[in-house]
PDB file of N, CA and C in Angstrom:
ATOM      1  N   MET A   1     -46.553   6.802 -37.640  1.00  0.00           N
ATOM      2  CA  MET A   1     -45.906   8.092 -37.529  1.00  0.00           C
ATOM      3  C   MET A   1     -44.858   8.002 -36.421  1.00  0.00           C
ATOM      4  N   ASP A   2     -43.657   8.497 -36.726  1.00  0.00           N
ATOM      5  CA  ASP A   2     -42.552   8.443 -35.767  1.00  0.00           C
ATOM      6  C   ASP A   2     -42.512   9.729 -34.953  1.00  0.00           C
ATOM      7  N   ASN A   3     -42.959   9.668 -33.720  1.00  0.00           N
ATOM      8  CA  ASN A   3     -42.998  10.842 -32.850  1.00  0.00           C
ATOM      9  C   ASN A   3     -41.818  10.864 -31.884  1.00  0.00           C
ATOM     10  N   SER A   4     -40.647  10.464 -32.357  1.00  0.00           N
ATOM     11  CA  SER A   4     -39.475  10.438 -31.491  1.00  0.00           C
ATOM     12  C   SER A   4     -39.014  11.862 -31.176  1.00  0.00           C
ATOM     13  N   ILE A   5     -38.245  11.991 -30.125  1.00  0.00           N
ATOM     14  CA  ILE A   5     -37.689  13.295 -29.747  1.00  0.00           C
ATOM     15  C   ILE A   5     -36.792  13.814 -30.864  1.00  0.00           C
ATOM     16  N   LYS A   6     -36.036  12.924 -31.489  1.00  0.00           N
ATOM     17  CA  LYS A   6     -35.150  13.318 -32.591  1.00  0.00           C
ATOM     18  C   LYS A   6     -35.960  13.993 -33.707  1.00  0.00           C
ATOM     19  N   ASN A   7     -37.075  13.391 -34.098  1.00  0.00           N
ATOM     20  CA  ASN A   7     -37.900  13.987 -35.144  1.00  0.00           C
ATOM     21  C   ASN A   7     -38.545  15.289 -34.685  1.00  0.00           C
ATOM     22  N   PHE A   8     -38.938  15.357 -33.432  1.00  0.00           N
ATOM     23  CA  PHE A   8     -39.534  16.591 -32.918  1.00  0.00           C
ATOM     24  C   PHE A   8     -38.528  17.735 -32.968  1.00  0.00           C
ATOM     25  N   GLU A   9     -37.264  17.428 -32.714  1.00  0.00           N
ATOM     26  CA  GLU A   9     -36.228  18.457 -32.710  1.00  0.00           C
ATOM     27  C   GLU A   9     -35.718  18.808 -34.102  1.00  0.00           C
ATOM     28  N   SER A  10     -35.841  17.893 -35.066  1.00  0.00           N
ATOM     29  CA  SER A  10     -35.247  18.129 -36.379  1.00  0.00           C
ATOM     30  C   SER A  10     -36.257  18.379 -37.500  1.00  0.00           C
ATOM     31  N   LYS A  11     -37.527  18.123 -37.261  1.00  0.00           N
ATOM     32  CA  LYS A  11     -38.562  18.283 -38.300  1.00  0.00           C
ATOM     33  C   LYS A  11     -39.628  19.259 -37.836  1.00  0.00           C
ATOM     34  N   VAL A  12     -40.327  19.826 -38.790  1.00  0.00           N
ATOM     35  CA  VAL A  12     -41.466  20.693 -38.500  1.00  0.00           C
ATOM     36  C   VAL A  12     -42.520  20.433 -39.569  1.00  0.00           C
ATOM     37  N   THR A  13     -43.773  20.485 -39.163  1.00  0.00           N
ATOM     38  CA  THR A  13     -44.877  20.308 -40.101  1.00  0.00           C
ATOM     39  C   THR A  13     -45.513  21.663 -40.362  1.00  0.00           C
ATOM     40  N   LEU A  14     -45.668  21.987 -41.632  1.00  0.00           N
ATOM     41  CA  LEU A  14     -46.318  23.224 -42.044  1.00  0.00           C
ATOM     42  C   LEU A  14     -47.729  22.889 -42.496  1.00  0.00           C
ATOM     43  N   PHE A  15     -48.718  23.517 -41.909  1.00  0.00           N
ATOM     44  CA  PHE A  15     -50.098  23.390 -42.365  1.00  0.00           C
ATOM     45  C   PHE A  15     -50.377  24.631 -43.206  1.00  0.00           C
ATOM     46  N   TYR A  16     -50.850  24.418 -44.439  1.00  0.00           N
ATOM     47  CA  TYR A  16     -51.000  25.546 -45.352  1.00  0.00           C
ATOM     48  C   TYR A  16     -52.308  25.471 -46.133  1.00  0.00           C
ATOM     49  N   SER A  17     -52.720  26.646 -46.616  1.00  0.00           N
ATOM     50  CA  SER A  17     -53.943  26.758 -47.401  1.00  0.00           C
ATOM     51  C   SER A  17     -53.784  26.029 -48.732  1.00  0.00           C
ATOM     52  N   ILE A  18     -54.739  25.193 -49.063  1.00  0.00           N
ATOM     53  CA  ILE A  18     -54.716  24.487 -50.338  1.00  0.00           C
ATOM     54  C   ILE A  18     -54.861  25.483 -51.486  1.00  0.00           C
ATOM     55  N   ASN A  19     -55.647  26.536 -51.306  1.00  0.00           N
ATOM     56  CA  ASN A  19     -55.897  27.512 -52.375  1.00  0.00           C
ATOM     57  C   ASN A  19     -54.755  28.480 -52.594  1.00  0.00           C
ATOM     58  N   THR A  20     -54.185  29.014 -51.519  1.00  0.00           N
ATOM     59  CA  THR A  20     -53.187  30.079 -51.660  1.00  0.00           C
ATOM     60  C   THR A  20     -51.760  29.647 -51.359  1.00  0.00           C
ATOM     61  N   GLY A  21     -51.587  28.537 -50.673  1.00  0.00           N
ATOM     62  CA  GLY A  21     -50.256  28.109 -50.262  1.00  0.00           C
ATOM     63  C   GLY A  21     -49.757  28.827 -49.019  1.00  0.00           C
ATOM     64  N   GLU A  22     -50.562  29.757 -48.480  1.00  0.00           N
ATOM     65  CA  GLU A  22     -50.162  30.504 -47.295  1.00  0.00           C
ATOM     66  C   GLU A  22     -50.023  29.566 -46.099  1.00  0.00           C
ATOM     67  N   ILE A  23     -48.908  29.690 -45.399  1.00  0.00           N
ATOM     68  CA  ILE A  23     -48.653  28.856 -44.231  1.00  0.00           C
ATOM     69  C   ILE A  23     -49.485  29.391 -43.073  1.00  0.00           C
ATOM     70  N   LYS A  24     -50.351  28.547 -42.540  1.00  0.00           N
ATOM     71  CA  LYS A  24     -51.286  28.945 -41.498  1.00  0.00           C
ATOM     72  C   LYS A  24     -50.823  28.571 -40.096  1.00  0.00           C
ATOM     73  N   LEU A  25     -50.065  27.466 -39.988  1.00  0.00           N
ATOM     74  CA  LEU A  25     -49.693  26.954 -38.671  1.00  0.00           C
ATOM     75  C   LEU A  25     -48.474  26.062 -38.813  1.00  0.00           C
ATOM     76  N   THR A  26     -47.629  26.060 -37.801  1.00  0.00           N
ATOM     77  CA  THR A  26     -46.513  25.111 -37.753  1.00  0.00           C
ATOM     78  C   THR A  26     -46.650  24.261 -36.497  1.00  0.00           C
ATOM     79  N   ALA A  27     -46.133  23.057 -36.578  1.00  0.00           N
ATOM     80  CA  ALA A  27     -46.132  22.153 -35.424  1.00  0.00           C
ATOM     81  C   ALA A  27     -44.817  21.381 -35.432  1.00  0.00           C
ATOM     82  N   GLY A  28     -44.209  21.268 -34.274  1.00  0.00           N
ATOM     83  CA  GLY A  28     -42.954  20.552 -34.176  1.00  0.00           C
ATOM     84  C   GLY A  28     -43.112  19.081 -34.497  1.00  0.00           C
ATOM     85  N   GLY A  29     -42.103  18.518 -35.141  1.00  0.00           N
ATOM     86  CA  GLY A  29     -42.096  17.094 -35.450  1.00  0.00           C
ATOM     87  C   GLY A  29     -42.903  16.752 -36.686  1.00  0.00           C
ATOM     88  N   ILE A  30     -43.174  15.476 -36.837  1.00  0.00           N
ATOM     89  CA  ILE A  30     -43.925  14.955 -37.976  1.00  0.00           C
ATOM     90  C   ILE A  30     -45.380  14.801 -37.555  1.00  0.00           C
ATOM     91  N   GLN A  31     -46.237  15.610 -38.179  1.00  0.00           N
ATOM     92  CA  GLN A  31     -47.657  15.611 -37.852  1.00  0.00           C
ATOM     93  C   GLN A  31     -48.470  15.338 -39.116  1.00  0.00           C
ATOM     94  N   ASP A  32     -49.761  15.156 -38.940  1.00  0.00           N
ATOM     95  CA  ASP A  32     -50.713  15.090 -40.045  1.00  0.00           C
ATOM     96  C   ASP A  32     -51.989  15.763 -39.570  1.00  0.00           C
ATOM     97  N   MET A  33     -53.070  15.630 -40.311  1.00  0.00           N
ATOM     98  CA  MET A  33     -54.297  16.335 -39.939  1.00  0.00           C
ATOM     99  C   MET A  33     -54.881  15.843 -38.616  1.00  0.00           C
ATOM    100  N   SER A  34     -54.457  14.687 -38.146  1.00  0.00           N
ATOM    101  CA  SER A  34     -54.952  14.229 -36.846  1.00  0.00           C
ATOM    102  C   SER A  34     -54.443  15.134 -35.719  1.00  0.00           C
ATOM    103  N   TYR A  35     -53.493  16.001 -36.023  1.00  0.00           N
ATOM    104  CA  TYR A  35     -53.008  16.996 -35.064  1.00  0.00           C
ATOM    105  C   TYR A  35     -54.173  17.824 -34.508  1.00  0.00           C
ATOM    106  N   PHE A  36     -55.199  18.052 -35.346  1.00  0.00           N
ATOM    107  CA  PHE A  36     -56.355  18.858 -34.956  1.00  0.00           C
ATOM    108  C   PHE A  36     -57.436  18.045 -34.247  1.00  0.00           C
ATOM    109  N   GLY A  37     -57.200  16.753 -34.056  1.00  0.00           N
ATOM    110  CA  GLY A  37     -58.148  15.905 -33.343  1.00  0.00           C
ATOM    111  C   GLY A  37     -59.500  15.872 -34.025  1.00  0.00           C
ATOM    112  N   PRO A  38     -60.581  15.906 -33.254  1.00  0.00           N
ATOM    113  CA  PRO A  38     -61.919  15.801 -33.842  1.00  0.00           C
ATOM    114  C   PRO A  38     -62.296  16.998 -34.716  1.00  0.00           C
ATOM    115  N   ASP A  39     -61.518  18.084 -34.655  1.00  0.00           N
ATOM    116  CA  ASP A  39     -61.810  19.264 -35.474  1.00  0.00           C
ATOM    117  C   ASP A  39     -61.115  19.230 -36.833  1.00  0.00           C
ATOM    118  N   ALA A  40     -60.387  18.180 -37.150  1.00  0.00           N
ATOM    119  CA  ALA A  40     -59.617  18.114 -38.395  1.00  0.00           C
ATOM    120  C   ALA A  40     -60.485  18.387 -39.626  1.00  0.00           C
ATOM    121  N   ALA A  41     -61.707  17.914 -39.638  1.00  0.00           N
ATOM    122  CA  ALA A  41     -62.587  18.112 -40.795  1.00  0.00           C
ATOM    123  C   ALA A  41     -62.981  19.574 -40.976  1.00  0.00           C
ATOM    124  N   ASP A  42     -62.794  20.389 -39.942  1.00  0.00           N
ATOM    125  CA  ASP A  42     -63.134  21.810 -40.021  1.00  0.00           C
ATOM    126  C   ASP A  42     -62.082  22.628 -40.768  1.00  0.00           C
ATOM    127  N   PHE A  43     -60.917  22.043 -41.009  1.00  0.00           N
ATOM    128  CA  PHE A  43     -59.816  22.766 -41.639  1.00  0.00           C
ATOM    129  C   PHE A  43     -59.587  22.257 -43.056  1.00  0.00           C
ATOM    130  N   ASN A  44     -59.507  23.185 -43.988  1.00  0.00           N
ATOM    131  CA  ASN A  44     -59.241  22.836 -45.380  1.00  0.00           C
ATOM    132  C   ASN A  44     -57.774  23.139 -45.682  1.00  0.00           C
ATOM    133  N   TYR A  45     -56.879  22.473 -44.937  1.00  0.00           N
ATOM    134  CA  TYR A  45     -55.445  22.665 -45.074  1.00  0.00           C
ATOM    135  C   TYR A  45     -54.802  21.408 -45.641  1.00  0.00           C
ATOM    136  N   ASN A  46     -53.631  21.615 -46.201  1.00  0.00           N
ATOM    137  CA  ASN A  46     -52.755  20.511 -46.533  1.00  0.00           C
ATOM    138  C   ASN A  46     -51.554  20.666 -45.613  1.00  0.00           C
ATOM    139  N   PHE A  47     -50.646  19.707 -45.616  1.00  0.00           N
ATOM    140  CA  PHE A  47     -49.490  19.813 -44.734  1.00  0.00           C
ATOM    141  C   PHE A  47     -48.253  19.278 -45.420  1.00  0.00           C
ATOM    142  N   LEU A  48     -47.112  19.784 -44.976  1.00  0.00           N
ATOM    143  CA  LEU A  48     -45.821  19.387 -45.527  1.00  0.00           C
ATOM    144  C   LEU A  48     -44.842  19.288 -44.366  1.00  0.00           C
ATOM    145  N   VAL A  49     -44.118  18.179 -44.288  1.00  0.00           N
ATOM    146  CA  VAL A  49     -43.088  17.988 -43.264  1.00  0.00           C
ATOM    147  C   VAL A  49     -41.749  18.337 -43.880  1.00  0.00           C
ATOM    148  N   ILE A  50     -41.003  19.214 -43.203  1.00  0.00           N
ATOM    149  CA  ILE A  50     -39.693  19.638 -43.702  1.00  0.00           C
ATOM    150  C   ILE A  50     -38.674  19.559 -42.570  1.00  0.00           C
ATOM    151  N   ASP A  51     -37.388  19.665 -42.936  1.00  0.00           N
ATOM    152  CA  ASP A  51     -36.353  19.803 -41.922  1.00  0.00           C
ATOM    153  C   ASP A  51     -36.531  21.156 -41.241  1.00  0.00           C
ATOM    154  N   LYS A  52     -36.330  21.191 -39.956  1.00  0.00           N
ATOM    155  CA  LYS A  52     -36.505  22.431 -39.199  1.00  0.00           C
ATOM    156  C   LYS A  52     -35.555  23.497 -39.751  1.00  0.00           C
ATOM    157  N   ASP A  53     -36.085  24.678 -39.981  1.00  0.00           N
ATOM    158  CA  ASP A  53     -35.340  25.796 -40.551  1.00  0.00           C
ATOM    159  C   ASP A  53     -35.734  27.044 -39.766  1.00  0.00           C
ATOM    160  N   GLU A  54     -34.847  27.521 -38.917  1.00  0.00           N
ATOM    161  CA  GLU A  54     -35.170  28.649 -38.046  1.00  0.00           C
ATOM    162  C   GLU A  54     -35.499  29.910 -38.839  1.00  0.00           C
ATOM    163  N   TYR A  55     -34.792  30.155 -39.954  1.00  0.00           N
ATOM    164  CA  TYR A  55     -35.089  31.357 -40.747  1.00  0.00           C
ATOM    165  C   TYR A  55     -36.521  31.303 -41.261  1.00  0.00           C
ATOM    166  N   LEU A  56     -36.905  30.181 -41.802  1.00  0.00           N
ATOM    167  CA  LEU A  56     -38.274  30.031 -42.305  1.00  0.00           C
ATOM    168  C   LEU A  56     -39.281  30.208 -41.171  1.00  0.00           C
ATOM    169  N   LEU A  57     -39.047  29.567 -40.055  1.00  0.00           N
ATOM    170  CA  LEU A  57     -39.985  29.639 -38.929  1.00  0.00           C
ATOM    171  C   LEU A  57     -40.133  31.054 -38.382  1.00  0.00           C
ATOM    172  N   ASN A  58     -39.077  31.844 -38.475  1.00  0.00           N
ATOM    173  CA  ASN A  58     -39.127  33.225 -37.995  1.00  0.00           C
ATOM    174  C   ASN A  58     -39.616  34.211 -39.054  1.00  0.00           C
ATOM    175  N   ASN A  59     -39.831  33.735 -40.273  1.00  0.00           N
ATOM    176  CA  ASN A  59     -40.246  34.603 -41.378  1.00  0.00           C
ATOM    177  C   ASN A  59     -41.338  33.941 -42.217  1.00  0.00           C
ATOM    178  N   LEU A  60     -42.304  33.322 -41.573  1.00  0.00           N
ATOM    179  CA  LEU A  60     -43.352  32.594 -42.296  1.00  0.00           C
ATOM    180  C   LEU A  60     -44.070  33.455 -43.323  1.00  0.00           C
ATOM    181  N   ASP A  61     -44.190  34.747 -43.045  1.00  0.00           N
ATOM    182  CA  ASP A  61     -44.903  35.640 -43.959  1.00  0.00           C
ATOM    183  C   ASP A  61     -44.190  35.808 -45.299  1.00  0.00           C
ATOM    184  N   LYS A  62     -42.937  35.413 -45.409  1.00  0.00           N
ATOM    185  CA  LYS A  62     -42.171  35.539 -46.643  1.00  0.00           C
ATOM    186  C   LYS A  62     -42.263  34.295 -47.532  1.00  0.00           C
ATOM    187  N   PHE A  63     -42.920  33.242 -47.043  1.00  0.00           N
ATOM    188  CA  PHE A  63     -42.935  31.963 -47.747  1.00  0.00           C
ATOM    189  C   PHE A  63     -44.353  31.467 -48.017  1.00  0.00           C
ATOM    190  N   ILE A  64     -44.477  30.650 -49.053  1.00  0.00           N
ATOM    191  CA  ILE A  64     -45.697  29.893 -49.335  1.00  0.00           C
ATOM    192  C   ILE A  64     -45.289  28.468 -49.687  1.00  0.00           C
ATOM    193  N   VAL A  65     -46.259  27.581 -49.727  1.00  0.00           N
ATOM    194  CA  VAL A  65     -46.025  26.224 -50.212  1.00  0.00           C
ATOM    195  C   VAL A  65     -46.682  26.133 -51.582  1.00  0.00           C
ATOM    196  N   GLN A  66     -45.882  25.765 -52.568  1.00  0.00           N
ATOM    197  CA  GLN A  66     -46.356  25.662 -53.941  1.00  0.00           C
ATOM    198  C   GLN A  66     -45.721  24.422 -54.563  1.00  0.00           C
ATOM    199  N   ASP A  67     -46.518  23.605 -55.215  1.00  0.00           N
ATOM    200  CA  ASP A  67     -46.031  22.352 -55.815  1.00  0.00           C
ATOM    201  C   ASP A  67     -45.317  21.480 -54.785  1.00  0.00           C
ATOM    202  N   ASN A  68     -45.860  21.476 -53.563  1.00  0.00           N
ATOM    203  CA  ASN A  68     -45.334  20.668 -52.462  1.00  0.00           C
ATOM    204  C   ASN A  68     -43.902  21.051 -52.068  1.00  0.00           C
ATOM    205  N   LYS A  69     -43.531  22.324 -52.327  1.00  0.00           N
ATOM    206  CA  LYS A  69     -42.225  22.852 -51.944  1.00  0.00           C
ATOM    207  C   LYS A  69     -42.413  24.204 -51.277  1.00  0.00           C
ATOM    208  N   VAL A  70     -41.532  24.523 -50.342  1.00  0.00           N
ATOM    209  CA  VAL A  70     -41.540  25.840 -49.710  1.00  0.00           C
ATOM    210  C   VAL A  70     -40.814  26.797 -50.647  1.00  0.00           C
ATOM    211  N   LYS A  71     -41.485  27.939 -50.957  1.00  0.00           N
ATOM    212  CA  LYS A  71     -40.902  28.911 -51.876  1.00  0.00           C
ATOM    213  C   LYS A  71     -41.070  30.315 -51.310  1.00  0.00           C
ATOM    214  N   LEU A  72     -40.116  31.204 -51.668  1.00  0.00           N
ATOM    215  CA  LEU A  72     -40.247  32.608 -51.311  1.00  0.00           C
ATOM    216  C   LEU A  72     -41.415  33.207 -52.073  1.00  0.00           C
ATOM    217  N   LYS A  73     -42.184  34.066 -51.414  1.00  0.00           N
ATOM    218  CA  LYS A  73     -43.294  34.733 -52.090  1.00  0.00           C
ATOM    219  C   LYS A  73     -42.776  35.637 -53.199  1.00  0.00           C
ATOM    220  N   GLU A  74     -41.734  36.409 -52.904  1.00  0.00           N
ATOM    221  CA  GLU A  74     -41.135  37.299 -53.888  1.00  0.00           C
ATOM    222  C   GLU A  74     -39.688  37.539 -53.492  1.00  0.00           C
ATOM    223  N   ALA A  75     -38.915  37.920 -54.465  1.00  0.00           N
ATOM    224  CA  ALA A  75     -37.502  38.178 -54.191  1.00  0.00           C
ATOM    225  C   ALA A  75     -37.351  39.481 -53.422  1.00  0.00           C
ATOM    226  N   GLN A  76     -36.983  39.391 -52.172  1.00  0.00           N
ATOM    227  CA  GLN A  76     -36.783  40.566 -51.327  1.00  0.00           C
ATOM    228  C   GLN A  76     -35.438  41.233 -51.607  1.00  0.00           C
ATOM    229  N   ILE A  77     -34.499  40.483 -52.112  1.00  0.00           N
ATOM    230  CA  ILE A  77     -33.129  40.960 -52.289  1.00  0.00           C
ATOM    231  C   ILE A  77     -33.036  42.067 -53.339  1.00  0.00           C
ATOM    232  N   ASN A  78     -33.865  42.043 -54.365  1.00  0.00           N
ATOM    233  CA  ASN A  78     -33.794  43.031 -55.432  1.00  0.00           C
ATOM    234  C   ASN A  78     -33.961  44.452 -54.918  1.00  0.00           C
ATOM    235  N   LYS A  79     -34.537  44.616 -53.770  1.00  0.00           N
ATOM    236  CA  LYS A  79     -34.785  45.936 -53.198  1.00  0.00           C
ATOM    237  C   LYS A  79     -33.488  46.601 -52.744  1.00  0.00           C
ATOM    238  N   TYR A  80     -32.475  45.809 -52.417  1.00  0.00           N
ATOM    239  CA  TYR A  80     -31.243  46.332 -51.842  1.00  0.00           C
ATOM    240  C   TYR A  80     -30.044  46.057 -52.734  1.00  0.00           C
ATOM    241  N   GLU A  81     -29.115  47.000 -52.740  1.00  0.00           N
ATOM    242  CA  GLU A  81     -27.860  46.783 -53.449  1.00  0.00           C
ATOM    243  C   GLU A  81     -26.962  45.904 -52.593  1.00  0.00           C
ATOM    244  N   ILE A  82     -26.096  45.156 -53.240  1.00  0.00           N
ATOM    245  CA  ILE A  82     -25.167  44.283 -52.530  1.00  0.00           C
ATOM    246  C   ILE A  82     -23.867  45.045 -52.287  1.00  0.00           C
ATOM    247  N   ALA A  83     -23.384  45.047 -51.043  1.00  0.00           N
ATOM    248  CA  ALA A  83     -22.146  45.741 -50.688  1.00  0.00           C
ATOM    249  C   ALA A  83     -20.958  45.064 -51.338  1.00  0.00           C
ATOM    250  N   GLU A  84     -19.953  45.872 -51.647  1.00  0.00           N
ATOM    251  CA  GLU A  84     -18.724  45.328 -52.243  1.00  0.00           C
ATOM    252  C   GLU A  84     -17.664  45.132 -51.201  1.00  0.00           C
TER     253      GLU A  84
END
């Protein structure tokens, strides 16, 4: 695992529920389940490493992980008209 400063600044690891895809925790850089140390077996999470995305990180409640991809839970835009 490459724990360089460059990767810590440009990547983020999402830990998410295997059943629901709900993102439970984020960690800077490239991580795996060893992030939880001896408690790793206590968590039934999967993880995905992505490029750091500030919008996603500030709006985790709007996203899930599905088919190993980050996806919007629902289209929020339909609620609002687009200005001309």
